[in-house]
C-alpha atoms as a PDB file:
ATOM      1  CA  MET A   1       0.000   0.000   0.000  1.00  0.00           C
ATOM      2  CA  GLU A   2       1.230   3.456  -0.889  1.00  0.00           C
ATOM      3  CA  VAL A   3       0.234   6.580   1.016  1.00  0.00           C
ATOM      4  CA  ILE A   4       1.070   9.849  -0.682  1.00  0.00           C
ATOM      5  CA  VAL A   5       0.570  13.268   0.884  1.00  0.00           C
ATOM      6  CA  ALA A   6       0.535  16.290  -1.426  1.00  0.00           C
ATOM      7  CA  PRO A   7       1.148  19.349   0.764  1.00  0.00           C
ATOM      8  CA  GLU A   8       0.590  21.796  -2.096  1.00  0.00           C
ATOM      9  CA  ASP A   9      -2.980  20.492  -2.486  1.00  0.00           C
ATOM     10  CA  ASP A  10      -3.572  19.483   1.143  1.00  0.00           C
ATOM     11  CA  ALA A  11      -4.512  16.046  -0.193  1.00  0.00           C
ATOM     12  CA  GLU A  12      -3.837  12.425   0.710  1.00  0.00           C
ATOM     13  CA  LEU A  13      -3.913   9.459  -1.650  1.00  0.00           C
ATOM     14  CA  ARG A  14      -3.880   5.791  -0.657  1.00  0.00           C
ATOM     15  CA  ARG A  15      -3.280   3.177  -3.326  1.00  0.00           C
ATOM     16  CA  VAL A  16      -3.299  -0.623  -3.274  1.00  0.00           C
ATOM     17  CA  SER A  17      -2.123  -2.292  -6.501  1.00  0.00           C
ATOM     18  CA  ILE A  18      -2.762  -5.926  -7.373  1.00  0.00           C
ATOM     19  CA  THR A  19      -0.890  -7.545 -10.270  1.00  0.00           C
ATOM     20  CA  ASN A  20      -1.578 -10.926 -11.854  1.00  0.00           C
ATOM     21  CA  ARG A  21       1.899 -12.399 -12.373  1.00  0.00           C
ATOM     22  CA  ALA A  22       0.591 -15.825 -13.355  1.00  0.00           C
ATOM     23  CA  MET A  23       0.995 -17.200 -16.871  1.00  0.00           C
ATOM     24  CA  ARG A  24      -2.784 -17.464 -17.280  1.00  0.00           C
ATOM     25  CA  SER A  25      -5.826 -15.342 -16.651  1.00  0.00           C
ATOM     26  CA  ARG A  26      -7.819 -15.891 -13.477  1.00  0.00           C
ATOM     27  CA  PRO A  27     -11.263 -14.962 -12.220  1.00  0.00           C
ATOM     28  CA  LEU A  28     -11.177 -12.101  -9.735  1.00  0.00           C
ATOM     29  CA  GLU A  29     -13.789 -10.544  -7.501  1.00  0.00           C
ATOM     30  CA  PHE A  30     -12.623  -7.425  -5.729  1.00  0.00           C
ATOM     31  CA  THR A  31     -14.586  -5.294  -3.265  1.00  0.00           C
ATOM     32  CA  SER A  32     -13.276  -2.298  -1.375  1.00  0.00           C
ATOM     33  CA  TYR A  33     -15.208  -0.612   1.410  1.00  0.00           C
ATOM     34  CA  LEU A  34     -14.686   2.411   3.599  1.00  0.00           C
ATOM     35  CA  GLU A  35     -16.806   4.321   6.059  1.00  0.00           C
ATOM     36  CA  LEU A  36     -16.958   8.066   5.579  1.00  0.00           C
ATOM     37  CA  ALA A  37     -16.783  10.740   8.260  1.00  0.00           C
ATOM     38  CA  LEU A  38     -15.041  13.703   6.560  1.00  0.00           C
ATOM     39  CA  ALA A  39     -14.977  15.488   9.895  1.00  0.00           C
ATOM     40  CA  PRO A  40     -12.238  16.107  12.445  1.00  0.00           C
ATOM     41  CA  HIS A  41     -11.586  12.974  14.494  1.00  0.00           C
ATOM     42  CA  ARG A  42     -12.712  14.633  17.730  1.00  0.00           C
ATOM     43  CA  ALA A  43     -16.058  15.667  16.202  1.00  0.00           C
ATOM     44  CA  ASP A  44     -16.618  12.198  14.743  1.00  0.00           C
ATOM     45  CA  THR A  45     -15.908  10.363  17.997  1.00  0.00           C
ATOM     46  CA  ALA A  46     -17.969  12.806  20.082  1.00  0.00           C
ATOM     47  CA  HIS A  47     -21.083  12.592  17.868  1.00  0.00           C
ATOM     48  CA  PRO A  48     -20.546  10.012  15.091  1.00  0.00           C
ATOM     49  CA  ALA A  49     -24.108  10.006  13.763  1.00  0.00           C
ATOM     50  CA  PHE A  50     -24.286  13.800  13.675  1.00  0.00           C
ATOM     51  CA  ALA A  51     -20.893  14.149  11.973  1.00  0.00           C
ATOM     52  CA  LYS A  52     -21.955  11.790   9.171  1.00  0.00           C
ATOM     53  CA  MET A  53     -25.323  13.462   8.507  1.00  0.00           C
ATOM     54  CA  PHE A  54     -23.823  16.106   6.238  1.00  0.00           C
ATOM     55  CA  ILE A  55     -22.138  13.779   3.723  1.00  0.00           C
ATOM     56  CA  GLU A  56     -23.443  13.500   0.152  1.00  0.00           C
ATOM     57  CA  THR A  57     -22.217  10.909  -2.362  1.00  0.00           C
ATOM     58  CA  GLU A  58     -22.104  10.816  -6.155  1.00  0.00           C
ATOM     59  CA  TYR A  59     -21.115   8.204  -8.754  1.00  0.00           C
ATOM     60  CA  LEU A  60     -19.015   9.563 -11.642  1.00  0.00           C
ATOM     61  CA  GLY A  61     -18.837   6.336 -13.660  1.00  0.00           C
ATOM     62  CA  ASN A  62     -16.033   3.791 -14.163  1.00  0.00           C
ATOM     63  CA  CYS A  63     -16.188   2.917 -10.458  1.00  0.00           C
ATOM     64  CA  VAL A  64     -15.331   6.391  -9.224  1.00  0.00           C
ATOM     65  CA  LEU A  65     -17.352   7.481  -6.201  1.00  0.00           C
ATOM     66  CA  ILE A  66     -16.987  10.916  -4.661  1.00  0.00           C
ATOM     67  CA  ALA A  67     -18.323  12.267  -1.405  1.00  0.00           C
ATOM     68  CA  HIS A  68     -18.336  15.677   0.172  1.00  0.00           C
ATOM     69  CA  ARG A  69     -19.328  17.156   3.448  1.00  0.00           C
ATOM     70  CA  ARG A  70     -21.881  19.948   3.241  1.00  0.00           C
ATOM     71  CA  PRO A  71     -20.662  22.874   5.336  1.00  0.00           C
ATOM     72  CA  ARG A  72     -22.553  23.431   8.572  1.00  0.00           C
ATOM     73  CA  LEU A  73     -21.197  26.967   8.895  1.00  0.00           C
ATOM     74  CA  PRO A  74     -20.228  29.469   6.180  1.00  0.00           C
ATOM     75  CA  ASP A  75     -16.550  29.328   7.154  1.00  0.00           C
ATOM     76  CA  ASP A  76     -16.305  25.491   7.206  1.00  0.00           C
ATOM     77  CA  PRO A  77     -13.633  24.350   4.725  1.00  0.00           C
ATOM     78  CA  PRO A  78     -14.794  22.061   1.900  1.00  0.00           C
ATOM     79  CA  VAL A  79     -13.801  18.406   2.273  1.00  0.00           C
ATOM     80  CA  TRP A  80     -14.062  15.886  -0.566  1.00  0.00           C
ATOM     81  CA  ALA A  81     -13.202  12.199  -0.811  1.00  0.00           C
ATOM     82  CA  ALA A  82     -12.819   9.942  -3.830  1.00  0.00           C
ATOM     83  CA  HIS A  83     -12.972   6.142  -3.870  1.00  0.00           C
ATOM     84  CA  MET A  84     -11.871   4.434  -7.099  1.00  0.00           C
ATOM     85  CA  LEU A  85     -11.335   0.965  -8.506  1.00  0.00           C
ATOM     86  CA  LEU A  86      -9.205   1.338 -11.632  1.00  0.00           C
ATOM     87  CA  GLY A  87      -8.635  -1.435 -14.144  1.00  0.00           C
ATOM     88  CA  ALA A  88     -12.090  -2.999 -14.054  1.00  0.00           C
ATOM     89  CA  ASP A  89     -13.787  -2.574 -17.437  1.00  0.00           C
ATOM     90  CA  GLU A  90     -16.992  -4.492 -16.815  1.00  0.00           C
ATOM     91  CA  GLY A  91     -19.111  -5.838 -13.985  1.00  0.00           C
ATOM     92  CA  VAL A  92     -18.552  -2.745 -11.846  1.00  0.00           C
ATOM     93  CA  GLN A  93     -20.911  -2.224  -8.914  1.00  0.00           C
ATOM     94  CA  TYR A  94     -21.044   0.387  -6.172  1.00  0.00           C
ATOM     95  CA  GLU A  95     -22.861   1.230  -2.950  1.00  0.00           C
ATOM     96  CA  THR A  96     -22.864   4.228  -0.610  1.00  0.00           C
ATOM     97  CA  ASP A  97     -25.500   3.158   1.918  1.00  0.00           C
ATOM     98  CA  ARG A  98     -23.829   1.464   4.879  1.00  0.00           C
ATOM     99  CA  ALA A  99     -27.076  -0.208   5.988  1.00  0.00           C
ATOM    100  CA  ARG A 100     -27.546  -1.859   2.582  1.00  0.00           C
ATOM    101  CA  PHE A 101     -23.901  -2.912   2.328  1.00  0.00           C
ATOM    102  CA  LEU A 102     -23.620  -4.435   5.803  1.00  0.00           C
ATOM    103  CA  GLY A 103     -27.168  -5.677   6.257  1.00  0.00           C
ATOM    104  CA  ARG A 104     -28.938  -6.051   9.570  1.00  0.00           C
ATOM    105  CA  GLY A 105     -26.681  -7.326  12.349  1.00  0.00           C
ATOM    106  CA  ASN A 106     -23.609  -7.770  10.126  1.00  0.00           C
ATOM    107  CA  THR A 107     -20.136  -6.251  10.380  1.00  0.00           C
ATOM    108  CA  PRO A 108     -17.611  -4.966   7.809  1.00  0.00           C
ATOM    109  CA  GLU A 109     -15.808  -8.293   8.190  1.00  0.00           C
ATOM    110  CA  HIS A 110     -18.938 -10.216   7.094  1.00  0.00           C
ATOM    111  CA  PRO A 111     -21.237  -7.851   5.134  1.00  0.00           C
ATOM    112  CA  ALA A 112     -24.478  -8.950   3.524  1.00  0.00           C
ATOM    113  CA  ALA A 113     -23.297  -7.418   0.233  1.00  0.00           C
ATOM    114  CA  MET A 114     -20.928 -10.352  -0.304  1.00  0.00           C
ATOM    115  CA  ASP A 115     -23.961 -12.607  -0.800  1.00  0.00           C
ATOM    116  CA  GLY A 116     -25.411 -10.579  -3.682  1.00  0.00           C
ATOM    117  CA  ASP A 117     -25.019  -7.517  -5.854  1.00  0.00           C
ATOM    118  CA  LEU A 118     -24.465  -3.945  -4.701  1.00  0.00           C
ATOM    119  CA  SER A 119     -27.504  -1.698  -5.172  1.00  0.00           C
ATOM    120  CA  GLY A 120     -25.867   1.262  -6.911  1.00  0.00           C
ATOM    121  CA  SER A 121     -27.333   3.763  -4.473  1.00  0.00           C
ATOM    122  CA  VAL A 122     -25.943   7.287  -4.096  1.00  0.00           C
ATOM    123  CA  ALA A 123     -27.441  10.094  -2.019  1.00  0.00           C
ATOM    124  CA  THR A 124     -27.301  11.455   1.503  1.00  0.00           C
ATOM    125  CA  PHE A 125     -27.593   8.674   4.080  1.00  0.00           C
ATOM    126  CA  SER A 126     -27.662   8.753   7.856  1.00  0.00           C
ATOM    127  CA  ILE A 127     -24.526   6.557   7.891  1.00  0.00           C
ATOM    128  CA  PRO A 128     -22.687   6.879   4.563  1.00  0.00           C
ATOM    129  CA  SER A 129     -20.060   4.521   3.245  1.00  0.00           C
ATOM    130  CA  SER A 130     -18.327   3.880  -0.047  1.00  0.00           C
ATOM    131  CA  ALA A 131     -17.947   0.484  -1.701  1.00  0.00           C
ATOM    132  CA  CYS A 132     -16.728  -0.469  -5.175  1.00  0.00           C
ATOM    133  CA  ALA A 133     -16.830  -4.004  -6.516  1.00  0.00           C
ATOM    134  CA  ALA A 134     -15.989  -5.755  -9.759  1.00  0.00           C
ATOM    135  CA  ALA A 135     -15.959  -9.357 -10.911  1.00  0.00           C
ATOM    136  CA  THR A 136     -14.126 -10.105 -14.129  1.00  0.00           C
ATOM    137  CA  ARG A 137     -11.559 -12.288 -15.814  1.00  0.00           C
ATOM    138  CA  TRP A 138      -8.176 -10.991 -14.684  1.00  0.00           C
ATOM    139  CA  SER A 139      -5.845 -11.266 -17.654  1.00  0.00           C
ATOM    140  CA  ARG A 140      -2.175 -12.133 -17.448  1.00  0.00           C
ATOM    141  CA  ALA A 141       0.048  -9.231 -16.290  1.00  0.00           C
ATOM    142  CA  SER A 142      -2.899  -6.896 -15.701  1.00  0.00           C
ATOM    143  CA  VAL A 143      -2.906  -4.441 -12.792  1.00  0.00           C
ATOM    144  CA  TRP A 144      -5.848  -3.230 -10.720  1.00  0.00           C
ATOM    145  CA  ASN A 145      -5.544  -0.182  -8.489  1.00  0.00           C
ATOM    146  CA  TRP A 146      -7.806   0.643  -5.593  1.00  0.00           C
ATOM    147  CA  CYS A 147      -7.483   4.253  -4.511  1.00  0.00           C
ATOM    148  CA  SER A 148      -9.002   6.541  -1.949  1.00  0.00           C
ATOM    149  CA  SER A 149      -8.132  10.161  -1.422  1.00  0.00           C
ATOM    150  CA  LEU A 150      -9.083  13.176   0.648  1.00  0.00           C
ATOM    151  CA  LEU A 151      -9.156  16.424  -1.272  1.00  0.00           C
ATOM    152  CA  PRO A 152      -9.802  20.079  -0.457  1.00  0.00           C
ATOM    153  CA  ARG A 153     -11.973  20.508  -3.590  1.00  0.00           C
ATOM    154  CA  ARG A 154     -14.028  18.434  -6.008  1.00  0.00           C
ATOM    155  CA  ARG A 155     -11.885  16.404  -8.348  1.00  0.00           C
ATOM    156  CA  ALA A 156     -11.143  12.744  -8.864  1.00  0.00           C
ATOM    157  CA  LYS A 157      -7.808  11.989 -10.479  1.00  0.00           C
ATOM    158  CA  SER A 158      -6.614   8.575 -11.477  1.00  0.00           C
ATOM    159  CA  CYS A 159      -3.996   7.027  -9.215  1.00  0.00           C
END
């Protein structure tokens, strides 16, 4: 895993790359999941449900999800996040509703979403999350990148 901090943009990028080094193609199912807060840690731990109420999500296509925190006050700085799965050309699914992804009584270690398809929902949820999934034939020497980043403005760049 690579973590890159860009001080000139006040941004952070995390990237996990997976490479098929086998001599043959293989089936691959890949799902990445993260829970969004986009608030200072102290605010999130003090009132987690309240801190997450102001997050809106959007799907840009090609398994790129973005989220931003609506400002509560006029002087609140904008905070954006991007969640991307790069290298998947088909079979891409996404989800931003934590309740749908986990299912009743489940945990991130054993979510209900692993037993079916992701719903493709984007909106403002009481507990937002971000999940990208793809199932495809992973060709020889191909590379998939999973990326997440925190940005001070709206933009989603490739990793």
